[in-house]
Amino acid sequence: MTQLIREAVCGTVKEDLSQHHLTRYTASELIARTQIARSTFYQYFDGGLRDVFLSTIQQDILRPIMHEEMAWEQAVDFVLDYVRHNQTFVDNLYELGSGPAKICWLRQALVEAIWPQYRARLADQQILRCWHQLNLLCGALVSELQCWTCSGHQEDWHQVRTRLLSFEVAIDR
């Protein structure tokens, strides 16, 4: 039951934020749309909308990366493709829920999701170096997503991808 409620709430927020650009969205609006009690909503999302946004990112982006055991390049393609196909939703998430703490959380969550596959490509004595590289790469990915989102997705996603993958080559030296 817990997972069903979480998925229903995340699905509703994604549906609501995907329709058009919003400057305001409240927990009350989400609660009314999902038709659950306010106490139930806060039982599952005690941080309110912030927790719903984070859960949606986990469900839509991080879990598939971990489940499919994506390497860095695959994860970049997956994230860019997700953003490309969900521009309004991502724009609203960024606008309504952005902030330095959330950006740091996303970078760290991406590192943790990609780490098992990234680590597998290097020898054990290079683990610390590998960890730092992946942190830099995920930081670059999040920065590129911020720039791409703030520019209204004007740049072609292939250019963003090329820049990210060339950055990996540069720091791998």
C-alpha atoms as a PDB file:
ATOM      1  CA  MET A   1       0.000   0.000   0.000  1.00  0.00           C
ATOM      2  CA  THR A   2       2.820   2.390   0.885  1.00  0.00           C
ATOM      3  CA  GLN A   3       4.408   2.086  -2.553  1.00  0.00           C
ATOM      4  CA  LEU A   4       1.037   2.513  -4.306  1.00  0.00           C
ATOM      5  CA  ILE A   5       0.349   5.773  -2.486  1.00  0.00           C
ATOM      6  CA  ARG A   6       3.854   7.071  -3.198  1.00  0.00           C
ATOM      7  CA  GLU A   7       3.567   6.160  -6.883  1.00  0.00           C
ATOM      8  CA  ALA A   8       0.092   7.715  -7.174  1.00  0.00           C
ATOM      9  CA  VAL A   9       1.242  10.982  -5.611  1.00  0.00           C
ATOM     10  CA  CYS A  10       4.424  11.091  -7.752  1.00  0.00           C
ATOM     11  CA  GLY A  11       2.400  10.289 -10.871  1.00  0.00           C
ATOM     12  CA  THR A  12      -0.062  13.063 -10.106  1.00  0.00           C
ATOM     13  CA  VAL A  13       2.664  15.641  -9.481  1.00  0.00           C
ATOM     14  CA  LYS A  14       4.335  14.645 -12.742  1.00  0.00           C
ATOM     15  CA  GLU A  15       1.052  14.945 -14.600  1.00  0.00           C
ATOM     16  CA  ASP A  16       0.286  18.341 -13.041  1.00  0.00           C
ATOM     17  CA  LEU A  17       3.747  19.777 -13.654  1.00  0.00           C
ATOM     18  CA  SER A  18       3.943  18.443 -17.213  1.00  0.00           C
ATOM     19  CA  GLN A  19       0.961  20.334 -18.584  1.00  0.00           C
ATOM     20  CA  HIS A  20       2.176  23.944 -18.531  1.00  0.00           C
ATOM     21  CA  HIS A  21       4.682  26.184 -16.808  1.00  0.00           C
ATOM     22  CA  LEU A  22       3.693  27.050 -13.269  1.00  0.00           C
ATOM     23  CA  THR A  23       4.878  29.764 -10.916  1.00  0.00           C
ATOM     24  CA  ARG A  24       3.117  28.249  -7.922  1.00  0.00           C
ATOM     25  CA  TYR A  25       2.063  24.750  -6.885  1.00  0.00           C
ATOM     26  CA  THR A  26       0.993  23.776  -3.397  1.00  0.00           C
ATOM     27  CA  ALA A  27       0.688  20.624  -1.351  1.00  0.00           C
ATOM     28  CA  SER A  28      -3.006  21.451  -0.960  1.00  0.00           C
ATOM     29  CA  GLU A  29      -3.481  21.334  -4.738  1.00  0.00           C
ATOM     30  CA  LEU A  30      -1.695  17.991  -4.924  1.00  0.00           C
ATOM     31  CA  ILE A  31      -3.664  16.563  -1.991  1.00  0.00           C
ATOM     32  CA  ALA A  32      -6.944  17.617  -3.614  1.00  0.00           C
ATOM     33  CA  ARG A  33      -5.947  16.043  -6.928  1.00  0.00           C
ATOM     34  CA  THR A  34      -4.871  12.737  -5.358  1.00  0.00           C
ATOM     35  CA  GLN A  35      -7.890  12.688  -3.049  1.00  0.00           C
ATOM     36  CA  ILE A  36      -5.951  11.485  -0.041  1.00  0.00           C
ATOM     37  CA  ALA A  37      -6.128  12.868   3.461  1.00  0.00           C
ATOM     38  CA  ARG A  38      -3.652  15.589   4.364  1.00  0.00           C
ATOM     39  CA  SER A  39      -2.413  13.426   7.258  1.00  0.00           C
ATOM     40  CA  THR A  40      -1.798  10.526   4.855  1.00  0.00           C
ATOM     41  CA  PHE A  41       0.094  12.808   2.486  1.00  0.00           C
ATOM     42  CA  TYR A  42       2.410  14.031   5.253  1.00  0.00           C
ATOM     43  CA  GLN A  43       2.787  10.512   6.633  1.00  0.00           C
ATOM     44  CA  TYR A  44       4.432   9.479   3.355  1.00  0.00           C
ATOM     45  CA  PHE A  45       5.974  12.840   2.430  1.00  0.00           C
ATOM     46  CA  ASP A  46       6.818  14.528   5.728  1.00  0.00           C
ATOM     47  CA  GLY A  47       8.849  17.150   3.867  1.00  0.00           C
ATOM     48  CA  GLY A  48       5.850  18.092   1.748  1.00  0.00           C
ATOM     49  CA  LEU A  49       6.302  18.910  -1.920  1.00  0.00           C
ATOM     50  CA  ARG A  50      10.089  18.781  -1.615  1.00  0.00           C
ATOM     51  CA  ASP A  51       9.866  15.085  -0.719  1.00  0.00           C
ATOM     52  CA  VAL A  52       7.412  14.444  -3.559  1.00  0.00           C
ATOM     53  CA  PHE A  53       9.791  16.098  -6.037  1.00  0.00           C
ATOM     54  CA  LEU A  54      12.739  14.071  -4.737  1.00  0.00           C
ATOM     55  CA  SER A  55      10.727  10.830  -4.794  1.00  0.00           C
ATOM     56  CA  THR A  56       9.681  11.512  -8.369  1.00  0.00           C
ATOM     57  CA  ILE A  57      13.311  12.028  -9.406  1.00  0.00           C
ATOM     58  CA  GLN A  58      14.261   8.817  -7.614  1.00  0.00           C
ATOM     59  CA  GLN A  59      11.450   6.897  -9.289  1.00  0.00           C
ATOM     60  CA  ASP A  60      11.930   8.276 -12.807  1.00  0.00           C
ATOM     61  CA  ILE A  61      15.701   8.725 -13.041  1.00  0.00           C
ATOM     62  CA  LEU A  62      17.748   7.158 -10.255  1.00  0.00           C
ATOM     63  CA  ARG A  63      16.022   3.776  -9.950  1.00  0.00           C
ATOM     64  CA  PRO A  64      16.263   3.021 -13.692  1.00  0.00           C
ATOM     65  CA  ILE A  65      19.968   3.977 -13.668  1.00  0.00           C
ATOM     66  CA  MET A  66      20.614   1.602 -10.772  1.00  0.00           C
ATOM     67  CA  HIS A  67      18.284  -1.140 -11.983  1.00  0.00           C
ATOM     68  CA  GLU A  68      19.769  -1.173 -15.481  1.00  0.00           C
ATOM     69  CA  GLU A  69      23.291  -0.823 -14.030  1.00  0.00           C
ATOM     70  CA  MET A  70      24.068   2.021 -16.399  1.00  0.00           C
ATOM     71  CA  ALA A  71      27.627   3.124 -16.952  1.00  0.00           C
ATOM     72  CA  TRP A  72      28.449   6.859 -17.146  1.00  0.00           C
ATOM     73  CA  GLU A  73      27.757   7.276 -20.875  1.00  0.00           C
ATOM     74  CA  GLN A  74      24.473   5.359 -20.664  1.00  0.00           C
ATOM     75  CA  ALA A  75      23.389   7.395 -17.644  1.00  0.00           C
ATOM     76  CA  VAL A  76      24.173  10.665 -19.455  1.00  0.00           C
ATOM     77  CA  ASP A  77      22.100   9.530 -22.437  1.00  0.00           C
ATOM     78  CA  PHE A  78      19.252   8.415 -20.169  1.00  0.00           C
ATOM     79  CA  VAL A  79      19.157  11.668 -18.174  1.00  0.00           C
ATOM     80  CA  LEU A  80      19.402  13.889 -21.259  1.00  0.00           C
ATOM     81  CA  ASP A  81      16.703  11.871 -22.996  1.00  0.00           C
ATOM     82  CA  TYR A  82      14.478  12.111 -19.917  1.00  0.00           C
ATOM     83  CA  VAL A  83      14.903  15.886 -19.730  1.00  0.00           C
ATOM     84  CA  ARG A  84      14.370  16.251 -23.473  1.00  0.00           C
ATOM     85  CA  HIS A  85      11.066  14.356 -23.349  1.00  0.00           C
ATOM     86  CA  ASN A  86       9.859  15.951 -20.092  1.00  0.00           C
ATOM     87  CA  GLN A  87      10.932  19.559 -20.556  1.00  0.00           C
ATOM     88  CA  THR A  88       7.913  21.241 -18.982  1.00  0.00           C
ATOM     89  CA  PHE A  89       8.009  18.901 -15.992  1.00  0.00           C
ATOM     90  CA  VAL A  90      11.758  19.414 -15.480  1.00  0.00           C
ATOM     91  CA  ASP A  91      11.419  23.185 -15.902  1.00  0.00           C
ATOM     92  CA  ASN A  92       8.692  23.256 -13.244  1.00  0.00           C
ATOM     93  CA  LEU A  93      10.682  21.026 -10.895  1.00  0.00           C
ATOM     94  CA  TYR A  94      13.653  23.329 -11.274  1.00  0.00           C
ATOM     95  CA  GLU A  95      11.600  26.502 -10.864  1.00  0.00           C
ATOM     96  CA  LEU A  96       9.451  25.307  -7.969  1.00  0.00           C
ATOM     97  CA  GLY A  97      11.983  23.206  -6.122  1.00  0.00           C
ATOM     98  CA  SER A  98      15.472  24.357  -7.002  1.00  0.00           C
ATOM     99  CA  GLY A  99      18.064  25.454  -4.528  1.00  0.00           C
ATOM    100  CA  PRO A 100      21.682  24.678  -3.665  1.00  0.00           C
ATOM    101  CA  ALA A 101      20.826  21.824  -1.288  1.00  0.00           C
ATOM    102  CA  LYS A 102      18.667  20.104  -3.895  1.00  0.00           C
ATOM    103  CA  ILE A 103      21.321  20.505  -6.573  1.00  0.00           C
ATOM    104  CA  CYS A 104      23.928  18.939  -4.265  1.00  0.00           C
ATOM    105  CA  TRP A 105      21.498  16.142  -3.441  1.00  0.00           C
ATOM    106  CA  LEU A 106      20.972  15.376  -7.143  1.00  0.00           C
ATOM    107  CA  ARG A 107      24.709  15.294  -7.828  1.00  0.00           C
ATOM    108  CA  GLN A 108      25.310  12.946  -4.907  1.00  0.00           C
ATOM    109  CA  ALA A 109      22.341  10.735  -5.810  1.00  0.00           C
ATOM    110  CA  LEU A 110      23.655  10.397  -9.371  1.00  0.00           C
ATOM    111  CA  VAL A 111      27.099   9.459  -8.048  1.00  0.00           C
ATOM    112  CA  GLU A 112      25.585   6.735  -5.877  1.00  0.00           C
ATOM    113  CA  ALA A 113      23.440   5.427  -8.736  1.00  0.00           C
ATOM    114  CA  ILE A 114      26.292   5.254 -11.269  1.00  0.00           C
ATOM    115  CA  TRP A 115      29.134   4.300  -8.883  1.00  0.00           C
ATOM    116  CA  PRO A 116      28.913   0.479  -9.123  1.00  0.00           C
ATOM    117  CA  GLN A 117      29.374   0.468 -12.900  1.00  0.00           C
ATOM    118  CA  TYR A 118      31.904   3.294 -12.945  1.00  0.00           C
ATOM    119  CA  ARG A 119      34.050   1.614 -10.291  1.00  0.00           C
ATOM    120  CA  ALA A 120      34.041  -1.694 -12.133  1.00  0.00           C
ATOM    121  CA  ARG A 121      36.107  -0.249 -14.962  1.00  0.00           C
ATOM    122  CA  LEU A 122      39.142   0.632 -12.847  1.00  0.00           C
ATOM    123  CA  ALA A 123      41.596  -1.271 -10.699  1.00  0.00           C
ATOM    124  CA  ASP A 124      41.133  -1.322  -6.920  1.00  0.00           C
ATOM    125  CA  GLN A 125      44.077   0.993  -6.262  1.00  0.00           C
ATOM    126  CA  GLN A 126      42.320   3.730  -8.241  1.00  0.00           C
ATOM    127  CA  ILE A 127      39.059   3.718  -6.267  1.00  0.00           C
ATOM    128  CA  LEU A 128      39.524   7.113  -4.592  1.00  0.00           C
ATOM    129  CA  ARG A 129      40.545   8.739  -7.874  1.00  0.00           C
ATOM    130  CA  CYS A 130      37.583   7.093  -9.577  1.00  0.00           C
ATOM    131  CA  TRP A 131      35.203   8.359  -6.861  1.00  0.00           C
ATOM    132  CA  HIS A 132      36.471  11.933  -7.299  1.00  0.00           C
ATOM    133  CA  GLN A 133      36.170  11.695 -11.081  1.00  0.00           C
ATOM    134  CA  LEU A 134      32.587  10.515 -10.880  1.00  0.00           C
ATOM    135  CA  ASN A 135      31.755  13.350  -8.463  1.00  0.00           C
ATOM    136  CA  LEU A 136      33.198  15.836 -10.957  1.00  0.00           C
ATOM    137  CA  LEU A 137      31.303  14.239 -13.832  1.00  0.00           C
ATOM    138  CA  CYS A 138      27.988  14.233 -11.984  1.00  0.00           C
ATOM    139  CA  GLY A 139      28.592  17.826 -10.934  1.00  0.00           C
ATOM    140  CA  ALA A 140      29.183  18.683 -14.592  1.00  0.00           C
ATOM    141  CA  LEU A 141      26.001  16.832 -15.586  1.00  0.00           C
ATOM    142  CA  VAL A 142      23.908  18.717 -13.034  1.00  0.00           C
ATOM    143  CA  SER A 143      25.483  22.032 -14.095  1.00  0.00           C
ATOM    144  CA  GLU A 144      24.772  21.295 -17.745  1.00  0.00           C
ATOM    145  CA  LEU A 145      21.173  20.422 -16.871  1.00  0.00           C
ATOM    146  CA  GLN A 146      20.813  23.720 -15.008  1.00  0.00           C
ATOM    147  CA  CYS A 147      22.193  25.706 -17.948  1.00  0.00           C
ATOM    148  CA  TRP A 148      20.112  23.771 -20.456  1.00  0.00           C
ATOM    149  CA  THR A 149      16.940  24.242 -18.400  1.00  0.00           C
ATOM    150  CA  CYS A 150      17.575  27.952 -17.745  1.00  0.00           C
ATOM    151  CA  SER A 151      18.179  28.567 -21.448  1.00  0.00           C
ATOM    152  CA  GLY A 152      14.809  27.057 -22.326  1.00  0.00           C
ATOM    153  CA  HIS A 153      16.457  23.964 -23.816  1.00  0.00           C
ATOM    154  CA  GLN A 154      17.640  26.024 -26.789  1.00  0.00           C
ATOM    155  CA  GLU A 155      20.867  24.110 -27.211  1.00  0.00           C
ATOM    156  CA  ASP A 156      20.666  20.778 -28.988  1.00  0.00           C
ATOM    157  CA  TRP A 157      20.970  17.909 -26.509  1.00  0.00           C
ATOM    158  CA  HIS A 158      23.706  16.337 -28.670  1.00  0.00           C
ATOM    159  CA  GLN A 159      25.947  19.323 -27.927  1.00  0.00           C
ATOM    160  CA  VAL A 160      25.367  18.929 -24.193  1.00  0.00           C
ATOM    161  CA  ARG A 161      26.149  15.214 -24.489  1.00  0.00           C
ATOM    162  CA  THR A 162      29.325  15.825 -26.490  1.00  0.00           C
ATOM    163  CA  ARG A 163      30.561  18.351 -23.934  1.00  0.00           C
ATOM    164  CA  LEU A 164      29.903  15.968 -21.026  1.00  0.00           C
ATOM    165  CA  LEU A 165      31.581  13.011 -22.690  1.00  0.00           C
ATOM    166  CA  SER A 166      34.595  15.091 -23.742  1.00  0.00           C
ATOM    167  CA  PHE A 167      34.889  16.280 -20.141  1.00  0.00           C
ATOM    168  CA  GLU A 168      35.116  12.641 -19.055  1.00  0.00           C
ATOM    169  CA  VAL A 169      37.973  12.078 -21.515  1.00  0.00           C
ATOM    170  CA  ALA A 170      39.748  15.221 -20.265  1.00  0.00           C
ATOM    171  CA  ILE A 171      39.658  14.275 -16.582  1.00  0.00           C
ATOM    172  CA  ASP A 172      40.478  10.647 -17.317  1.00  0.00           C
ATOM    173  CA  ARG A 173      43.968  11.655 -18.449  1.00  0.00           C
END
